[in-house]
PDB file of N, CA and C in Angstrom:
ATOM      1  N   UNK A   1       1.008  -1.214  -0.070  1.00  0.00           N
ATOM      2  CA  UNK A   1      -0.007  -0.072  -0.004  1.00  0.00           C
ATOM      3  C   UNK A   1       1.067   1.309   0.084  1.00  0.00           C
ATOM      4  N   UNK A   2       0.519   2.328  -1.045  1.00  0.00           N
ATOM      5  CA  UNK A   2       1.390   3.567  -0.709  1.00  0.00           C
ATOM      6  C   UNK A   2       1.418   4.050   0.512  1.00  0.00           C
ATOM      7  N   UNK A   3       2.281   4.832   0.826  1.00  0.00           N
ATOM      8  CA  UNK A   3       2.304   5.534   2.032  1.00  0.00           C
ATOM      9  C   UNK A   3       1.302   6.580   2.292  1.00  0.00           C
ATOM     10  N   UNK A   4       0.804   7.080   1.271  1.00  0.00           N
ATOM     11  CA  UNK A   4      -0.136   8.176   1.536  1.00  0.00           C
ATOM     12  C   UNK A   4      -1.457   7.723   1.505  1.00  0.00           C
ATOM     13  N   UNK A   5      -1.795   6.468   1.521  1.00  0.00           N
ATOM     14  CA  UNK A   5      -2.870   5.892   1.426  1.00  0.00           C
ATOM     15  C   UNK A   5      -3.345   5.144   2.725  1.00  0.00           C
ATOM     16  N   UNK A   6      -4.405   5.739   3.515  1.00  0.00           N
ATOM     17  CA  UNK A   6      -4.777   5.142   4.838  1.00  0.00           C
ATOM     18  C   UNK A   6      -5.738   4.015   4.595  1.00  0.00           C
ATOM     19  N   UNK A   7      -5.696   3.208   5.579  1.00  0.00           N
ATOM     20  CA  UNK A   7      -6.566   2.108   5.606  1.00  0.00           C
ATOM     21  C   UNK A   7      -8.017   2.614   6.412  1.00  0.00           C
ATOM     22  N   UNK A   8      -9.028   2.281   5.636  1.00  0.00           N
ATOM     23  CA  UNK A   8     -10.138   2.969   6.168  1.00  0.00           C
ATOM     24  C   UNK A   8     -11.039   1.687   7.051  1.00  0.00           C
ATOM     25  N   UNK A   9     -11.646   2.079   7.985  1.00  0.00           N
ATOM     26  CA  UNK A   9     -12.514   1.080   8.716  1.00  0.00           C
ATOM     27  C   UNK A   9     -13.845   0.791   8.221  1.00  0.00           C
ATOM     28  N   UNK A  10     -14.360  -0.193   8.416  1.00  0.00           N
ATOM     29  CA  UNK A  10     -15.767  -0.566   7.942  1.00  0.00           C
ATOM     30  C   UNK A  10     -16.798   0.592   8.004  1.00  0.00           C
ATOM     31  N   UNK A  11     -16.720   1.470   9.227  1.00  0.00           N
ATOM     32  CA  UNK A  11     -17.582   2.272   9.459  1.00  0.00           C
ATOM     33  C   UNK A  11     -17.246   3.709   8.609  1.00  0.00           C
ATOM     34  N   UNK A  12     -15.918   3.721   8.496  1.00  0.00           N
ATOM     35  CA  UNK A  12     -15.477   4.870   7.490  1.00  0.00           C
ATOM     36  C   UNK A  12     -15.961   4.700   5.981  1.00  0.00           C
ATOM     37  N   UNK A  13     -15.802   3.463   5.677  1.00  0.00           N
ATOM     38  CA  UNK A  13     -16.203   3.056   4.364  1.00  0.00           C
ATOM     39  C   UNK A  13     -17.632   3.217   4.105  1.00  0.00           C
ATOM     40  N   UNK A  14     -18.543   2.933   5.021  1.00  0.00           N
ATOM     41  CA  UNK A  14     -20.114   3.193   5.126  1.00  0.00           C
ATOM     42  C   UNK A  14     -20.330   4.619   5.145  1.00  0.00           C
ATOM     43  N   UNK A  15     -19.625   5.465   5.635  1.00  0.00           N
ATOM     44  CA  UNK A  15     -19.741   6.779   5.720  1.00  0.00           C
ATOM     45  C   UNK A  15     -19.459   7.260   4.305  1.00  0.00           C
ATOM     46  N   UNK A  16     -18.505   6.932   3.764  1.00  0.00           N
ATOM     47  CA  UNK A  16     -18.176   7.177   2.489  1.00  0.00           C
ATOM     48  C   UNK A  16     -18.987   6.901   1.455  1.00  0.00           C
ATOM     49  N   UNK A  17     -19.862   5.716   1.602  1.00  0.00           N
ATOM     50  CA  UNK A  17     -20.818   5.266   0.714  1.00  0.00           C
ATOM     51  C   UNK A  17     -22.002   6.191   0.785  1.00  0.00           C
ATOM     52  N   UNK A  18     -22.425   6.636   1.819  1.00  0.00           N
ATOM     53  CA  UNK A  18     -23.518   7.403   2.080  1.00  0.00           C
ATOM     54  C   UNK A  18     -23.241   8.891   1.927  1.00  0.00           C
ATOM     55  N   UNK A  19     -22.098   9.172   1.561  1.00  0.00           N
ATOM     56  CA  UNK A  19     -21.439  10.584   1.200  1.00  0.00           C
ATOM     57  C   UNK A  19     -22.188  10.334  -0.335  1.00  0.00           C
ATOM     58  N   UNK A  20     -21.424   9.260  -0.959  1.00  0.00           N
ATOM     59  CA  UNK A  20     -21.329   9.304  -2.361  1.00  0.00           C
ATOM     60  C   UNK A  20     -22.893   9.207  -3.088  1.00  0.00           C
ATOM     61  N   UNK A  21     -23.772   8.407  -1.909  1.00  0.00           N
ATOM     62  CA  UNK A  21     -25.070   8.468  -2.376  1.00  0.00           C
ATOM     63  C   UNK A  21     -25.627   9.880  -2.136  1.00  0.00           C
ATOM     64  N   UNK A  22     -25.375  10.769  -1.159  1.00  0.00           N
ATOM     65  CA  UNK A  22     -26.051  11.878  -1.286  1.00  0.00           C
ATOM     66  C   UNK A  22     -25.461  12.996  -2.344  1.00  0.00           C
ATOM     67  N   UNK A  23     -24.379  12.468  -3.006  1.00  0.00           N
ATOM     68  CA  UNK A  23     -23.738  13.350  -4.006  1.00  0.00           C
ATOM     69  C   UNK A  23     -24.817  13.071  -5.307  1.00  0.00           C
ATOM     70  N   UNK A  24     -25.013  11.766  -5.480  1.00  0.00           N
ATOM     71  CA  UNK A  24     -25.765  11.226  -6.322  1.00  0.00           C
ATOM     72  C   UNK A  24     -26.953  11.860  -6.353  1.00  0.00           C
ATOM     73  N   UNK A  25     -27.728  12.055  -5.187  1.00  0.00           N
ATOM     74  CA  UNK A  25     -29.192  12.645  -4.892  1.00  0.00           C
ATOM     75  C   UNK A  25     -29.211  13.987  -5.250  1.00  0.00           C
ATOM     76  N   UNK A  26     -28.061  14.716  -4.908  1.00  0.00           N
ATOM     77  CA  UNK A  26     -27.778  16.200  -4.992  1.00  0.00           C
ATOM     78  C   UNK A  26     -27.751  16.291  -6.575  1.00  0.00           C
ATOM     79  N   UNK A  27     -27.001  15.542  -7.203  1.00  0.00           N
ATOM     80  CA  UNK A  27     -27.068  15.708  -8.822  1.00  0.00           C
ATOM     81  C   UNK A  27     -28.302  15.385  -9.592  1.00  0.00           C
ATOM     82  N   UNK A  28     -29.154  14.473  -9.183  1.00  0.00           N
ATOM     83  CA  UNK A  28     -30.357  13.842  -9.627  1.00  0.00           C
ATOM     84  C   UNK A  28     -31.472  15.278  -9.457  1.00  0.00           C
ATOM     85  N   UNK A  29     -31.354  15.675  -8.262  1.00  0.00           N
ATOM     86  CA  UNK A  29     -32.306  16.887  -7.856  1.00  0.00           C
ATOM     87  C   UNK A  29     -32.181  18.105  -8.585  1.00  0.00           C
ATOM     88  N   UNK A  30     -31.028  18.429  -8.941  1.00  0.00           N
ATOM     89  CA  UNK A  30     -30.287  19.402  -9.726  1.00  0.00           C
ATOM     90  C   UNK A  30     -30.889  19.236 -11.124  1.00  0.00           C
ATOM     91  N   UNK A  31     -30.456  18.201 -11.680  1.00  0.00           N
ATOM     92  CA  UNK A  31     -30.851  17.896 -13.071  1.00  0.00           C
ATOM     93  C   UNK A  31     -32.277  17.841 -13.334  1.00  0.00           C
ATOM     94  N   UNK A  32     -33.098  17.300 -12.490  1.00  0.00           N
ATOM     95  CA  UNK A  32     -34.508  17.235 -12.803  1.00  0.00           C
ATOM     96  C   UNK A  32     -35.305  18.474 -12.833  1.00  0.00           C
ATOM     97  N   UNK A  33     -34.477  19.592 -12.525  1.00  0.00           N
ATOM     98  CA  UNK A  33     -35.271  20.884 -12.500  1.00  0.00           C
ATOM     99  C   UNK A  33     -35.149  21.681 -13.894  1.00  0.00           C
ATOM    100  N   UNK A  34     -34.388  20.919 -14.770  1.00  0.00           N
ATOM    101  CA  UNK A  34     -33.903  21.621 -16.172  1.00  0.00           C
ATOM    102  C   UNK A  34     -35.100  21.088 -17.122  1.00  0.00           C
ATOM    103  N   UNK A  35     -35.821  21.950 -17.502  1.00  0.00           N
ATOM    104  CA  UNK A  35     -37.050  21.860 -18.284  1.00  0.00           C
ATOM    105  C   UNK A  35     -36.693  21.017 -19.806  1.00  0.00           C
ATOM    106  N   UNK A  36     -35.684  21.169 -20.153  1.00  0.00           N
ATOM    107  CA  UNK A  36     -35.329  20.380 -21.543  1.00  0.00           C
ATOM    108  C   UNK A  36     -33.918  19.831 -21.122  1.00  0.00           C
ATOM    109  N   UNK A  37     -33.600  18.711 -20.530  1.00  0.00           N
ATOM    110  CA  UNK A  37     -32.100  18.165 -20.191  1.00  0.00           C
ATOM    111  C   UNK A  37     -31.554  17.722 -21.475  1.00  0.00           C
ATOM    112  N   UNK A  38     -30.276  18.048 -21.851  1.00  0.00           N
ATOM    113  CA  UNK A  38     -29.510  17.575 -22.677  1.00  0.00           C
ATOM    114  C   UNK A  38     -29.486  15.797 -22.499  1.00  0.00           C
ATOM    115  N   UNK A  39     -28.794  15.213 -23.613  1.00  0.00           N
ATOM    116  CA  UNK A  39     -28.512  13.774 -23.495  1.00  0.00           C
ATOM    117  C   UNK A  39     -27.692  13.704 -22.489  1.00  0.00           C
ATOM    118  N   UNK A  40     -26.736  14.515 -22.299  1.00  0.00           N
ATOM    119  CA  UNK A  40     -25.709  14.221 -21.379  1.00  0.00           C
ATOM    120  C   UNK A  40     -26.138  14.410 -19.936  1.00  0.00           C
ATOM    121  N   UNK A  41     -27.143  15.371 -19.565  1.00  0.00           N
ATOM    122  CA  UNK A  41     -27.958  15.588 -18.376  1.00  0.00           C
ATOM    123  C   UNK A  41     -28.794  14.071 -18.296  1.00  0.00           C
ATOM    124  N   UNK A  42     -29.476  13.505 -19.225  1.00  0.00           N
ATOM    125  CA  UNK A  42     -30.125  12.526 -19.016  1.00  0.00           C
ATOM    126  C   UNK A  42     -29.445  11.337 -18.685  1.00  0.00           C
ATOM    127  N   UNK A  43     -28.114  11.031 -19.258  1.00  0.00           N
ATOM    128  CA  UNK A  43     -27.024  10.167 -19.150  1.00  0.00           C
ATOM    129  C   UNK A  43     -26.658  10.218 -17.587  1.00  0.00           C
ATOM    130  N   UNK A  44     -26.497  11.609 -17.016  1.00  0.00           N
ATOM    131  CA  UNK A  44     -25.940  11.717 -15.694  1.00  0.00           C
ATOM    132  C   UNK A  44     -27.097  11.202 -14.762  1.00  0.00           C
ATOM    133  N   UNK A  45     -28.219  11.685 -15.111  1.00  0.00           N
ATOM    134  CA  UNK A  45     -29.159  11.119 -13.978  1.00  0.00           C
ATOM    135  C   UNK A  45     -29.455   9.694 -14.060  1.00  0.00           C
ATOM    136  N   UNK A  46     -29.535   9.070 -15.378  1.00  0.00           N
ATOM    137  CA  UNK A  46     -29.416   7.725 -15.373  1.00  0.00           C
ATOM    138  C   UNK A  46     -28.385   6.864 -14.568  1.00  0.00           C
ATOM    139  N   UNK A  47     -27.219   7.522 -14.712  1.00  0.00           N
ATOM    140  CA  UNK A  47     -26.029   6.942 -14.149  1.00  0.00           C
ATOM    141  C   UNK A  47     -25.992   6.900 -12.347  1.00  0.00           C
ATOM    142  N   UNK A  48     -26.780   7.941 -12.173  1.00  0.00           N
ATOM    143  CA  UNK A  48     -26.744   8.486 -10.799  1.00  0.00           C
ATOM    144  C   UNK A  48     -27.774   7.638  -9.982  1.00  0.00           C
ATOM    145  N   UNK A  49     -29.017   7.674 -10.829  1.00  0.00           N
ATOM    146  CA  UNK A  49     -30.370   6.582 -10.378  1.00  0.00           C
ATOM    147  C   UNK A  49     -29.564   4.931 -10.164  1.00  0.00           C
ATOM    148  N   UNK A  50     -28.925   4.440 -11.404  1.00  0.00           N
ATOM    149  CA  UNK A  50     -28.479   3.155 -11.171  1.00  0.00           C
ATOM    150  C   UNK A  50     -27.237   3.109 -10.050  1.00  0.00           C
ATOM    151  N   UNK A  51     -26.636   4.165  -9.877  1.00  0.00           N
ATOM    152  CA  UNK A  51     -25.580   4.074  -8.490  1.00  0.00           C
ATOM    153  C   UNK A  51     -26.390   3.869  -7.382  1.00  0.00           C
ATOM    154  N   UNK A  52     -27.283   4.641  -7.159  1.00  0.00           N
ATOM    155  CA  UNK A  52     -28.241   4.583  -5.685  1.00  0.00           C
ATOM    156  C   UNK A  52     -28.798   3.212  -5.868  1.00  0.00           C
ATOM    157  N   UNK A  53     -29.381   2.759  -6.823  1.00  0.00           N
ATOM    158  CA  UNK A  53     -30.084   1.410  -6.678  1.00  0.00           C
ATOM    159  C   UNK A  53     -28.884   0.258  -6.400  1.00  0.00           C
ATOM    160  N   UNK A  54     -27.813   0.393  -7.210  1.00  0.00           N
ATOM    161  CA  UNK A  54     -26.865  -0.597  -6.889  1.00  0.00           C
ATOM    162  C   UNK A  54     -26.298  -0.503  -5.473  1.00  0.00           C
ATOM    163  N   UNK A  55     -26.015   0.607  -4.758  1.00  0.00           N
ATOM    164  CA  UNK A  55     -25.404   0.589  -3.413  1.00  0.00           C
ATOM    165  C   UNK A  55     -26.576   0.275  -2.668  1.00  0.00           C
ATOM    166  N   UNK A  56     -27.798   0.681  -2.676  1.00  0.00           N
ATOM    167  CA  UNK A  56     -28.823   0.203  -1.693  1.00  0.00           C
ATOM    168  C   UNK A  56     -29.030  -1.239  -1.855  1.00  0.00           C
ATOM    169  N   UNK A  57     -28.550  -2.057  -2.595  1.00  0.00           N
ATOM    170  CA  UNK A  57     -28.779  -3.388  -2.843  1.00  0.00           C
ATOM    171  C   UNK A  57     -27.547  -4.002  -1.873  1.00  0.00           C
ATOM    172  N   UNK A  58     -26.590  -3.339  -1.522  1.00  0.00           N
ATOM    173  CA  UNK A  58     -25.706  -3.781  -0.535  1.00  0.00           C
ATOM    174  C   UNK A  58     -25.904  -3.922   0.573  1.00  0.00           C
ATOM    175  N   UNK A  59     -25.825  -5.262   1.199  1.00  0.00           N
ATOM    176  CA  UNK A  59     -26.326  -5.764   2.572  1.00  0.00           C
ATOM    177  C   UNK A  59     -25.969  -4.666   3.836  1.00  0.00           C
ATOM    178  N   UNK A  60     -24.571  -4.352   3.628  1.00  0.00           N
ATOM    179  CA  UNK A  60     -24.140  -3.288   4.773  1.00  0.00           C
ATOM    180  C   UNK A  60     -25.016  -1.954   4.470  1.00  0.00           C
ATOM    181  N   UNK A  61     -25.542  -1.297   3.466  1.00  0.00           N
ATOM    182  CA  UNK A  61     -26.196  -0.232   3.175  1.00  0.00           C
ATOM    183  C   UNK A  61     -27.645  -0.476   3.765  1.00  0.00           C
ATOM    184  N   UNK A  62     -28.172  -1.529   3.163  1.00  0.00           N
ATOM    185  CA  UNK A  62     -29.594  -1.990   3.473  1.00  0.00           C
ATOM    186  C   UNK A  62     -29.796  -2.073   4.870  1.00  0.00           C
ATOM    187  N   UNK A  63     -28.855  -2.679   5.546  1.00  0.00           N
ATOM    188  CA  UNK A  63     -29.124  -2.916   6.810  1.00  0.00           C
ATOM    189  C   UNK A  63     -28.716  -1.722   8.024  1.00  0.00           C
ATOM    190  N   UNK A  64     -28.168  -0.815   7.294  1.00  0.00           N
ATOM    191  CA  UNK A  64     -27.922   0.551   8.230  1.00  0.00           C
ATOM    192  C   UNK A  64     -29.349   1.068   8.574  1.00  0.00           C
ATOM    193  N   UNK A  65     -29.420   1.507   9.793  1.00  0.00           N
ATOM    194  CA  UNK A  65     -30.516   1.960  10.361  1.00  0.00           C
ATOM    195  C   UNK A  65     -30.963   3.418   9.917  1.00  0.00           C
ATOM    196  N   UNK A  66     -30.310   4.138   9.019  1.00  0.00           N
ATOM    197  CA  UNK A  66     -30.448   5.561   8.485  1.00  0.00           C
ATOM    198  C   UNK A  66     -31.734   5.330   7.529  1.00  0.00           C
ATOM    199  N   UNK A  67     -32.272   6.152   7.548  1.00  0.00           N
ATOM    200  CA  UNK A  67     -33.651   6.420   6.390  1.00  0.00           C
ATOM    201  C   UNK A  67     -32.914   6.262   5.167  1.00  0.00           C
ATOM    202  N   UNK A  68     -33.499   5.721   4.462  1.00  0.00           N
ATOM    203  CA  UNK A  68     -33.265   5.676   2.869  1.00  0.00           C
ATOM    204  C   UNK A  68     -34.397   6.408   1.946  1.00  0.00           C
ATOM    205  N   UNK A  69     -35.325   7.167   2.640  1.00  0.00           N
ATOM    206  CA  UNK A  69     -36.287   7.561   1.999  1.00  0.00           C
ATOM    207  C   UNK A  69     -35.770   8.631   0.806  1.00  0.00           C
ATOM    208  N   UNK A  70     -34.787   9.682   1.292  1.00  0.00           N
ATOM    209  CA  UNK A  70     -34.102  10.544   0.295  1.00  0.00           C
ATOM    210  C   UNK A  70     -33.368   9.866  -1.042  1.00  0.00           C
ATOM    211  N   UNK A  71     -33.189   8.476  -0.775  1.00  0.00           N
ATOM    212  CA  UNK A  71     -32.458   7.888  -1.704  1.00  0.00           C
ATOM    213  C   UNK A  71     -33.627   7.509  -2.836  1.00  0.00           C
ATOM    214  N   UNK A  72     -34.448   6.685  -2.224  1.00  0.00           N
ATOM    215  CA  UNK A  72     -35.761   6.203  -2.971  1.00  0.00           C
ATOM    216  C   UNK A  72     -36.440   7.377  -3.734  1.00  0.00           C
ATOM    217  N   UNK A  73     -36.620   8.295  -2.979  1.00  0.00           N
ATOM    218  CA  UNK A  73     -37.225   9.552  -3.799  1.00  0.00           C
ATOM    219  C   UNK A  73     -36.540  10.228  -4.982  1.00  0.00           C
ATOM    220  N   UNK A  74     -34.986  10.168  -4.775  1.00  0.00           N
ATOM    221  CA  UNK A  74     -34.180  10.657  -5.877  1.00  0.00           C
ATOM    222  C   UNK A  74     -34.418   9.423  -7.022  1.00  0.00           C
ATOM    223  N   UNK A  75     -34.523   8.128  -6.648  1.00  0.00           N
ATOM    224  CA  UNK A  75     -34.646   7.212  -7.740  1.00  0.00           C
ATOM    225  C   UNK A  75     -36.117   7.776  -8.453  1.00  0.00           C
ATOM    226  N   UNK A  76     -37.124   7.795  -7.695  1.00  0.00           N
ATOM    227  CA  UNK A  76     -38.241   7.868  -8.520  1.00  0.00           C
ATOM    228  C   UNK A  76     -38.456   9.294  -9.506  1.00  0.00           C
ATOM    229  N   UNK A  77     -37.742  10.328  -8.690  1.00  0.00           N
ATOM    230  CA  UNK A  77     -37.734  11.573  -9.457  1.00  0.00           C
ATOM    231  C   UNK A  77     -36.848  11.547 -10.739  1.00  0.00           C
ATOM    232  N   UNK A  78     -35.736  10.758 -10.617  1.00  0.00           N
ATOM    233  CA  UNK A  78     -34.762  10.660 -11.759  1.00  0.00           C
ATOM    234  C   UNK A  78     -35.656   9.862 -12.995  1.00  0.00           C
ATOM    235  N   UNK A  79     -36.078   8.813 -12.448  1.00  0.00           N
ATOM    236  CA  UNK A  79     -36.828   7.832 -13.336  1.00  0.00           C
ATOM    237  C   UNK A  79     -38.086   8.620 -14.121  1.00  0.00           C
ATOM    238  N   UNK A  80     -38.623   9.480 -13.494  1.00  0.00           N
ATOM    239  CA  UNK A  80     -39.912  10.109 -13.968  1.00  0.00           C
ATOM    240  C   UNK A  80     -39.257  11.225 -14.929  1.00  0.00           C
ATOM    241  N   UNK A  81     -38.118  11.623 -14.827  1.00  0.00           N
ATOM    242  CA  UNK A  81     -37.501  12.650 -15.762  1.00  0.00           C
ATOM    243  C   UNK A  81     -37.120  11.858 -16.824  1.00  0.00           C
ATOM    244  N   UNK A  82     -36.893  10.794 -16.757  1.00  0.00           N
ATOM    245  CA  UNK A  82     -36.193   9.573 -18.051  1.00  0.00           C
ATOM    246  C   UNK A  82     -37.255   9.372 -18.795  1.00  0.00           C
ATOM    247  N   UNK A  83     -38.757   9.298 -18.304  1.00  0.00           N
ATOM    248  CA  UNK A  83     -39.670   8.646 -18.856  1.00  0.00           C
ATOM    249  C   UNK A  83     -40.267   9.358 -19.890  1.00  0.00           C
TER     250      UNK A  83
END
């Protein structure tokens, strides 16, 4: 392992996953407000929706006691925008 790379604990990794999920939510919520999103915007929404879906399927995240509502809502609004 390189000297500048630290080892993260499972709790730190879980926090990083939730932060990344929050970043995806922020992107989706920002892009769904665009009346006529570009193809690039639509691709970004799709990628972030899929990211949230994949991450929520991981046992560690699914079993965490934190609410997942903000993530499932972002999936719904993202998919609605792409429909």
